[in-house]
Amino acid sequence: MKIYKVDKYILGKYIQTFLVALALIIVIIITFDVSEKLDKFISHHATFWQVVVDYYGNFIPGFVNLYSPLFIFIAVLFFTSKMAGNSEVIAILSSGISYHRMLRPYLFGSLIVALTVLLLGNFVIPVSNRHLIEFEEQYVKTKATSYYRNIHFQADPGVQVYAESYDVRTRRAARFRREVIDPDGRLLQRETCDFIHYDTASHLWRCTNYVLRTVDHDGSEHLTFEPDKRTSFGVEPDDLDLLSKRIETMTTPTLVRHIQRERLRGTGTVKEAQIELYQRLLNPIAIVVMTFIGVAIAARKSRGGIGLHLAIGITLAFAFIVFMKITTVFATGGNLPPVVAVLLPQFTFGLAALYLIHKAPK
């Protein structure tokens, strides 16, 4: 596969324009964000270094990852329209290079960006989100949620856990109950405590007024009481902390394990987690799709110039974003499978890209 100077030229334009557009938009976003949050930074005594490194250093990667298809689309429209306006596209095609051959550097550029976004979204962005949330809870938000009521989940097959309330800061739960139930729905064991408190040194729960009730197969019951007991219950503090299950802070391997565990527990957060997983894995495809749509729109020289191409392109880009949001809503609140919700907009606009690429040379 021979690489021509025109391939290096277009690929260089692709990467350079994308980075410049990205930098300009980031500067604008940061300017507005600083003006909005400056009072909170000052009132909570956040240092300049903390704001720059801990906040914006973790804010920028997530922002880039989320809107990279839009940035790529704008960049492709801009530099390709400029090439068409300067008759560079005509010169390339007149030199014997076919239209589809001219698309090769666009494909290479989109794959480079897509693979980068894939790695960032699955392994880097979740860690950045964790640090970003910690900073926001300390320096931006006035009150963070740390108290939950009426917690109920399945810890393991046939094991149900209940808690009337749980305080994240003190790691203390009230009216705790753990039940073991056989496949026929018959109670085998029940453990109850008035209060439980997690000991970080021993990694065990300290229970107040512990009562163990066991039921034999013949129906006879046995009760055991201990005023102070230490045990694990097979439950970690994060299991009771609902906010610790923020899927945006989980790397993809952790998210996969989380989905398996939540499906076992029968909670209602499985769909949201599946949508997050499929978006991380499949959304980079949108970069390739939007690249080809941008080329098909901007490669032809028109009287409207760059302005007309940008108007058409931005309209299509926002239509794509709205379509993605609609399918996500149908998956979260309806019966649309999460993988279909993520793929449907990309498949639809992918067909549009193929049609435009097919019609563009004519």
Protein backbone atom coordinates (compact mmCIF):
# COMPACT_ATOMS: atom_id res chain seq x y z
CA MET A 1 0.00 0.00 0.00
CA LYS A 2 1.89 2.98 -1.33
CA ILE A 3 1.78 6.24 0.62
CA TYR A 4 1.84 9.43 -1.43
CA LYS A 5 2.70 12.94 -0.41
CA VAL A 6 -0.98 13.81 -0.69
CA ASP A 7 -1.73 11.15 1.97
CA LYS A 8 0.71 12.77 4.39
CA TYR A 9 -0.66 16.19 3.49
CA ILE A 10 -4.30 15.28 4.17
CA LEU A 11 -3.46 13.25 7.29
CA GLY A 12 -1.41 16.16 8.65
CA LYS A 13 -4.28 18.56 7.96
CA TYR A 14 -6.68 16.13 9.64
CA ILE A 15 -4.72 15.81 12.90
CA GLN A 16 -3.57 19.44 13.00
CA THR A 17 -7.04 20.93 12.41
CA PHE A 18 -8.58 18.56 14.95
CA LEU A 19 -6.06 19.54 17.64
CA VAL A 20 -6.45 23.28 16.92
CA ALA A 21 -10.26 23.07 17.01
CA LEU A 22 -10.04 21.04 20.19
CA ALA A 23 -7.75 23.55 21.87
CA LEU A 24 -9.94 26.53 20.91
CA ILE A 25 -13.14 24.91 22.17
CA ILE A 26 -11.46 23.79 25.41
CA VAL A 27 -10.24 27.34 26.07
CA ILE A 28 -13.77 28.67 25.54
CA ILE A 29 -15.33 26.02 27.78
CA ILE A 30 -12.77 26.57 30.55
CA THR A 31 -13.29 30.34 30.39
CA PHE A 32 -17.03 30.00 30.96
CA ASP A 33 -16.57 27.29 33.58
CA VAL A 34 -14.06 29.36 35.58
CA SER A 35 -16.38 32.39 35.55
CA GLU A 36 -19.18 30.19 36.90
CA LYS A 37 -17.22 28.35 39.61
CA LEU A 38 -14.62 30.94 40.64
CA ASP A 39 -16.58 32.01 43.74
CA LYS A 40 -16.83 28.40 44.92
CA PHE A 41 -13.12 27.79 44.36
CA ILE A 42 -12.27 30.86 46.44
CA SER A 43 -14.82 30.20 49.21
CA HIS A 44 -13.61 26.59 49.61
CA HIS A 45 -9.92 27.69 49.56
CA ALA A 46 -8.91 25.66 46.52
CA THR A 47 -5.37 26.53 45.42
CA PHE A 48 -4.48 27.50 41.86
CA TRP A 49 -2.54 24.27 41.43
CA GLN A 50 -5.48 22.16 42.63
CA VAL A 51 -7.86 23.90 40.23
CA VAL A 52 -5.54 23.51 37.25
CA VAL A 53 -4.29 19.96 37.87
CA ASP A 54 -6.93 18.22 40.00
CA TYR A 55 -9.99 19.80 38.41
CA TYR A 56 -9.32 20.87 34.82
CA GLY A 57 -6.61 18.24 34.36
CA ASN A 58 -9.31 15.62 34.95
CA PHE A 59 -12.17 17.59 33.36
CA ILE A 60 -10.57 18.02 29.93
CA PRO A 61 -10.05 14.29 29.06
CA GLY A 62 -13.70 13.47 29.73
CA PHE A 63 -14.88 16.48 27.74
CA VAL A 64 -12.67 15.55 24.78
CA ASN A 65 -13.80 11.93 24.90
CA LEU A 66 -17.49 12.90 24.96
CA TYR A 67 -17.45 15.39 22.10
CA SER A 68 -14.61 14.07 19.93
CA PRO A 69 -16.96 13.00 17.07
CA LEU A 70 -18.32 16.56 16.92
CA PHE A 71 -14.82 18.09 17.02
CA ILE A 72 -13.63 15.73 14.29
CA PHE A 73 -16.65 16.56 12.17
CA ILE A 74 -16.06 20.31 12.43
CA ALA A 75 -12.35 19.87 11.72
CA VAL A 76 -12.96 17.73 8.61
CA LEU A 77 -15.58 20.17 7.30
CA PHE A 78 -13.28 23.12 7.83
CA PHE A 79 -10.04 21.94 6.22
CA THR A 80 -11.74 19.93 3.44
CA SER A 81 -13.93 22.93 2.49
CA LYS A 82 -10.81 25.06 2.41
CA MET A 83 -9.09 22.50 0.18
CA ALA A 84 -12.11 22.44 -2.13
CA GLY A 85 -12.26 26.25 -2.19
CA ASN A 86 -8.59 26.40 -3.19
CA SER A 87 -9.23 23.79 -5.93
CA GLU A 88 -6.87 21.36 -4.17
CA VAL A 89 -9.44 18.55 -4.35
CA ILE A 90 -9.79 19.07 -8.10
CA ALA A 91 -6.00 18.99 -8.49
CA ILE A 92 -5.76 15.74 -6.48
CA LEU A 93 -8.45 14.04 -8.58
CA SER A 94 -6.94 15.37 -11.81
CA SER A 95 -3.57 13.81 -10.94
CA GLY A 96 -5.03 10.34 -11.38
CA ILE A 97 -6.02 9.63 -7.76
CA SER A 98 -9.61 8.41 -7.53
CA TYR A 99 -12.10 9.90 -5.12
CA HIS A 100 -12.24 6.73 -3.04
CA ARG A 101 -8.42 6.56 -2.97
CA MET A 102 -8.38 10.14 -1.67
CA LEU A 103 -10.47 8.98 1.30
CA ARG A 104 -7.70 6.68 2.56
CA PRO A 105 -5.85 9.29 4.70
CA TYR A 106 -9.20 10.35 6.16
CA LEU A 107 -9.77 6.73 7.18
CA PHE A 108 -6.30 6.47 8.71
CA GLY A 109 -6.78 9.71 10.64
CA SER A 110 -10.20 8.67 11.95
CA LEU A 111 -8.85 5.27 13.05
CA ILE A 112 -5.99 6.92 14.94
CA VAL A 113 -8.38 9.22 16.81
CA ALA A 114 -10.94 6.42 17.34
CA LEU A 115 -8.35 4.07 18.88
CA THR A 116 -7.08 6.87 21.12
CA VAL A 117 -10.62 7.65 22.28
CA LEU A 118 -11.25 3.93 22.84
CA LEU A 119 -8.25 3.61 25.15
CA LEU A 120 -9.03 6.85 26.97
CA GLY A 121 -12.71 6.02 27.47
CA ASN A 122 -12.13 2.52 28.80
CA PHE A 123 -9.12 3.00 31.07
CA VAL A 124 -8.09 6.65 31.56
CA ILE A 125 -11.35 8.64 31.73
CA PRO A 126 -12.87 6.56 34.60
CA VAL A 127 -9.84 7.31 36.79
CA SER A 128 -10.02 11.00 35.86
CA ASN A 129 -13.74 11.02 36.67
CA ARG A 130 -13.04 9.60 40.11
CA HIS A 131 -10.57 12.39 40.92
CA LEU A 132 -12.92 14.97 39.40
CA ILE A 133 -15.84 13.87 41.57
CA GLU A 134 -13.67 13.91 44.69
CA PHE A 135 -12.57 17.48 43.89
CA GLU A 136 -16.14 18.63 43.19
CA GLU A 137 -17.43 17.16 46.43
CA GLN A 138 -14.73 18.96 48.39
CA TYR A 139 -14.48 22.33 46.62
CA VAL A 140 -17.58 22.81 44.43
CA LYS A 141 -20.65 21.16 45.88
CA THR A 142 -22.09 22.64 49.03
CA LYS A 143 -23.61 19.38 50.25
CA ALA A 144 -22.77 15.87 49.16
CA THR A 145 -25.18 12.98 49.58
CA SER A 146 -23.84 10.63 52.24
CA TYR A 147 -26.96 9.19 53.89
CA TYR A 148 -29.26 6.55 52.40
CA ARG A 149 -32.46 4.91 53.56
CA ASN A 150 -34.22 1.62 52.81
CA ILE A 151 -31.35 -0.24 51.14
CA HIS A 152 -32.13 -3.67 49.70
CA PHE A 153 -30.09 -5.85 47.36
CA GLN A 154 -29.14 -9.46 46.64
CA ALA A 155 -25.56 -10.04 47.78
CA ASP A 156 -25.31 -13.59 46.41
CA PRO A 157 -27.77 -16.13 44.97
CA GLY A 158 -30.36 -16.66 47.67
CA VAL A 159 -28.83 -14.04 50.01
CA GLN A 160 -30.84 -10.87 50.64
CA VAL A 161 -29.47 -7.84 52.50
CA TYR A 162 -31.53 -5.03 54.04
CA ALA A 163 -30.64 -1.87 55.93
CA GLU A 164 -32.99 0.81 57.19
CA SER A 165 -30.31 3.49 56.82
CA TYR A 166 -26.59 3.88 56.09
CA ASP A 167 -24.22 6.78 56.75
CA VAL A 168 -21.29 6.80 54.30
CA ARG A 169 -19.05 9.04 56.40
CA THR A 170 -19.28 6.97 59.59
CA ARG A 171 -19.80 3.63 57.78
CA ARG A 172 -22.64 2.87 60.14
CA ALA A 173 -25.94 1.17 59.27
CA ALA A 174 -29.10 0.81 61.35
CA ARG A 175 -31.58 -2.08 61.46
CA PHE A 176 -29.40 -4.37 59.39
CA ARG A 177 -30.72 -7.75 58.25
CA ARG A 178 -29.25 -10.57 56.16
CA GLU A 179 -31.37 -13.51 55.03
CA VAL A 180 -30.49 -16.80 53.35
CA ILE A 181 -33.36 -18.27 51.33
CA ASP A 182 -33.47 -21.59 49.48
CA PRO A 183 -34.66 -21.88 45.82
CA ASP A 184 -38.16 -22.74 47.05
CA GLY A 185 -38.41 -19.43 48.90
CA ARG A 186 -38.06 -20.96 52.38
CA LEU A 187 -36.06 -19.02 54.97
CA LEU A 188 -32.95 -20.91 56.13
CA GLN A 189 -31.11 -18.25 58.12
CA ARG A 190 -31.63 -14.68 59.29
CA GLU A 191 -29.07 -12.38 60.92
CA THR A 192 -30.20 -9.08 62.42
CA CYS A 193 -28.40 -6.23 64.18
CA ASP A 194 -29.61 -2.98 65.65
CA PHE A 195 -26.47 -1.27 64.34
CA ILE A 196 -23.39 -2.31 62.41
CA HIS A 197 -20.17 -0.31 62.09
CA TYR A 198 -17.30 -1.14 59.72
CA ASP A 199 -13.87 -1.54 61.32
CA THR A 200 -11.23 -0.54 58.75
CA ALA A 201 -8.47 -2.23 60.75
CA SER A 202 -9.98 -5.71 60.84
CA HIS A 203 -12.19 -5.28 57.73
CA LEU A 204 -15.11 -6.67 59.71
CA TRP A 205 -18.48 -5.30 60.79
CA ARG A 206 -18.99 -4.68 64.48
CA CYS A 207 -22.57 -5.61 65.32
CA THR A 208 -24.71 -4.41 68.23
CA ASN A 209 -27.34 -6.85 69.54
CA TYR A 210 -26.60 -9.57 67.01
CA VAL A 211 -29.34 -12.22 66.61
CA LEU A 212 -28.94 -15.35 64.49
CA ARG A 213 -32.04 -17.35 63.62
CA THR A 214 -31.64 -20.68 61.81
CA VAL A 215 -34.44 -22.89 60.53
CA ASP A 216 -33.90 -26.64 60.10
CA HIS A 217 -35.51 -28.74 57.38
CA ASP A 218 -38.03 -30.08 59.91
CA GLY A 219 -39.12 -26.51 60.74
CA SER A 220 -37.41 -26.25 64.13
CA GLU A 221 -35.77 -22.91 64.90
CA HIS A 222 -32.65 -21.97 66.83
CA LEU A 223 -31.80 -18.51 68.16
CA THR A 224 -28.37 -17.16 69.07
CA PHE A 225 -27.85 -13.77 70.69
CA GLU A 226 -24.60 -11.83 71.09
CA PRO A 227 -24.52 -8.24 72.36
CA ASP A 228 -21.30 -7.52 70.48
CA LYS A 229 -20.09 -9.53 67.48
CA ARG A 230 -17.62 -9.04 64.64
CA THR A 231 -18.27 -10.65 61.24
CA SER A 232 -18.04 -9.88 57.52
CA PHE A 233 -21.60 -10.75 56.35
CA GLY A 234 -20.10 -11.04 52.85
CA VAL A 235 -20.85 -7.31 52.48
CA GLU A 236 -18.47 -4.42 51.88
CA PRO A 237 -19.11 -0.73 52.72
CA ASP A 238 -19.28 0.06 49.00
CA ASP A 239 -22.22 -2.33 48.71
CA LEU A 240 -24.24 -0.04 50.97
CA ASP A 241 -22.89 3.19 49.48
CA LEU A 242 -25.05 3.85 46.43
CA LEU A 243 -22.78 6.59 45.10
CA SER A 244 -19.77 4.27 45.10
CA LYS A 245 -21.49 2.49 42.23
CA ARG A 246 -20.99 5.45 39.90
CA ILE A 247 -20.39 3.70 36.62
CA GLU A 248 -18.48 6.65 35.15
CA THR A 249 -15.67 6.03 37.67
CA MET A 250 -15.22 2.34 36.77
CA THR A 251 -12.70 1.09 34.25
CA THR A 252 -14.20 -1.25 31.68
CA PRO A 253 -13.08 -4.53 33.37
CA THR A 254 -14.54 -3.26 36.66
CA LEU A 255 -17.73 -2.18 34.87
CA VAL A 256 -18.17 -5.64 33.36
CA ARG A 257 -17.88 -7.23 36.81
CA HIS A 258 -20.29 -4.63 38.17
CA ILE A 259 -22.87 -5.51 35.51
CA GLN A 260 -22.59 -9.21 36.30
CA ARG A 261 -22.96 -8.57 40.01
CA GLU A 262 -25.89 -6.15 39.66
CA ARG A 263 -27.67 -8.56 37.30
CA LEU A 264 -27.28 -11.23 39.98
CA ARG A 265 -28.63 -8.86 42.62
CA GLY A 266 -31.60 -7.89 40.51
CA THR A 267 -31.09 -4.14 40.83
CA GLY A 268 -32.44 -1.58 38.37
CA THR A 269 -29.04 -0.16 37.39
CA VAL A 270 -28.04 -2.87 34.92
CA LYS A 271 -29.34 -1.08 31.83
CA GLU A 272 -27.54 2.16 32.64
CA ALA A 273 -24.31 0.25 33.17
CA GLN A 274 -24.76 -1.70 29.92
CA ILE A 275 -25.39 1.52 27.99
CA GLU A 276 -22.21 3.01 29.47
CA LEU A 277 -20.25 -0.12 28.50
CA TYR A 278 -21.51 -0.21 24.91
CA GLN A 279 -20.95 3.53 24.50
CA ARG A 280 -17.34 3.16 25.56
CA LEU A 281 -16.77 0.29 23.14
CA LEU A 282 -18.84 1.44 20.16
CA ASN A 283 -18.93 5.25 20.21
CA PRO A 284 -15.46 5.53 18.60
CA ILE A 285 -17.14 4.22 15.44
CA ALA A 286 -18.94 7.57 15.28
CA ILE A 287 -15.60 9.28 14.63
CA VAL A 288 -15.16 7.27 11.42
CA VAL A 289 -18.78 7.84 10.40
CA MET A 290 -18.68 11.60 11.00
CA THR A 291 -15.35 11.84 9.16
CA PHE A 292 -16.79 10.39 5.96
CA ILE A 293 -19.97 12.46 6.20
CA GLY A 294 -17.82 15.56 6.58
CA VAL A 295 -15.69 14.66 3.54
CA ALA A 296 -18.72 13.91 1.38
CA ILE A 297 -20.28 17.27 2.24
CA ALA A 298 -17.19 19.47 2.06
CA ALA A 299 -15.13 17.98 -0.81
CA ARG A 300 -17.30 19.58 -3.49
CA LYS A 301 -16.67 23.22 -4.25
CA SER A 302 -19.82 25.33 -3.78
CA ARG A 303 -20.83 28.96 -3.98
CA GLY A 304 -21.68 29.02 -0.27
CA GLY A 305 -18.11 28.08 0.60
CA ILE A 306 -17.11 27.01 4.12
CA GLY A 307 -20.11 28.74 5.69
CA LEU A 308 -22.64 26.59 3.84
CA HIS A 309 -20.70 23.41 4.58
CA LEU A 310 -20.46 24.27 8.27
CA ALA A 311 -24.18 25.03 8.47
CA ILE A 312 -25.12 21.70 6.88
CA GLY A 313 -22.53 19.81 8.90
CA ILE A 314 -23.44 21.27 12.29
CA THR A 315 -27.12 20.52 11.60
CA LEU A 316 -26.28 16.88 10.87
CA ALA A 317 -24.00 16.66 13.91
CA PHE A 318 -26.68 17.88 16.28
CA ALA A 319 -29.22 15.58 14.65
CA PHE A 320 -26.83 12.71 15.38
CA ILE A 321 -26.43 13.78 19.03
CA VAL A 322 -30.21 14.14 19.49
CA PHE A 323 -30.77 10.72 17.91
CA MET A 324 -28.28 9.19 20.36
CA LYS A 325 -30.03 10.80 23.32
CA ILE A 326 -33.45 9.58 22.16
CA THR A 327 -32.33 5.97 21.77
CA THR A 328 -30.63 6.12 25.17
CA VAL A 329 -33.89 7.25 26.78
CA PHE A 330 -35.81 4.43 25.09
CA ALA A 331 -33.24 1.91 26.33
CA THR A 332 -33.23 3.25 29.89
CA GLY A 333 -36.99 3.62 30.33
CA GLY A 334 -38.29 1.20 27.69
CA ASN A 335 -37.64 -2.15 26.10
CA LEU A 336 -34.97 -1.14 23.58
CA PRO A 337 -31.83 -3.31 24.13
CA PRO A 338 -28.83 -1.20 25.20
CA VAL A 339 -26.61 -2.47 22.39
CA VAL A 340 -29.28 -1.52 19.84
CA ALA A 341 -29.68 1.90 21.45
CA VAL A 342 -25.96 2.59 21.00
CA LEU A 343 -25.61 1.09 17.51
CA LEU A 344 -28.83 2.39 15.92
CA PRO A 345 -27.72 6.06 15.50
CA GLN A 346 -24.30 4.98 14.24
CA PHE A 347 -25.79 2.44 11.85
CA THR A 348 -28.29 4.99 10.50
CA PHE A 349 -25.72 7.71 9.98
CA GLY A 350 -23.25 5.12 8.71
CA LEU A 351 -25.71 4.29 5.90
CA ALA A 352 -26.05 8.03 5.26
CA ALA A 353 -22.25 8.30 5.06
CA LEU A 354 -22.06 5.44 2.54
CA TYR A 355 -24.79 7.03 0.43
CA LEU A 356 -23.08 10.43 0.44
CA ILE A 357 -19.70 8.91 -0.38
CA HIS A 358 -21.29 6.98 -3.24
CA LYS A 359 -23.00 10.07 -4.65
CA ALA A 360 -20.14 12.53 -4.06
CA PRO A 361 -18.00 11.62 -7.14
CA LYS A 362 -21.02 12.15 -9.37
